[in-house]
Protein backbone atom coordinates (compact mmCIF):
# COMPACT_ATOMS: atom_id res chain seq x y z
CA PRO A 1 0.00 0.00 0.00
CA ILE A 2 2.81 2.40 0.88
CA LYS A 3 4.62 1.67 -2.37
CA GLY A 4 1.36 2.13 -4.28
CA GLY A 5 0.75 5.50 -2.62
CA LEU A 6 4.32 6.56 -3.31
CA TRP A 7 3.93 5.56 -6.96
CA LEU A 8 0.69 7.55 -7.21
CA THR A 9 2.37 10.59 -5.66
CA ASP A 10 5.35 10.23 -8.02
CA ILE A 11 2.99 10.13 -11.03
CA ALA A 12 1.15 13.21 -9.73
CA HIS A 13 4.41 15.13 -9.29
CA HIS A 14 5.57 14.07 -12.76
CA HIS A 15 2.27 15.26 -14.24
CA LEU A 16 2.60 18.55 -12.37
CA ALA A 17 6.16 19.03 -13.65
CA ILE A 18 5.02 18.44 -17.24
CA ALA A 19 2.16 20.91 -16.78
CA ILE A 20 4.57 23.57 -15.47
CA LEU A 21 6.98 22.93 -18.36
CA PHE A 22 4.06 23.27 -20.77
CA LEU A 23 3.10 26.60 -19.18
CA ILE A 24 6.66 27.92 -19.39
CA ALA A 25 7.19 26.69 -22.96
């Protein structure tokens, strides 16, 4: 469960990073 939550958080952060890069670009 912990690993699953960590994976979900990692995906969310990755998505957020892409969104920010898209905004800057």
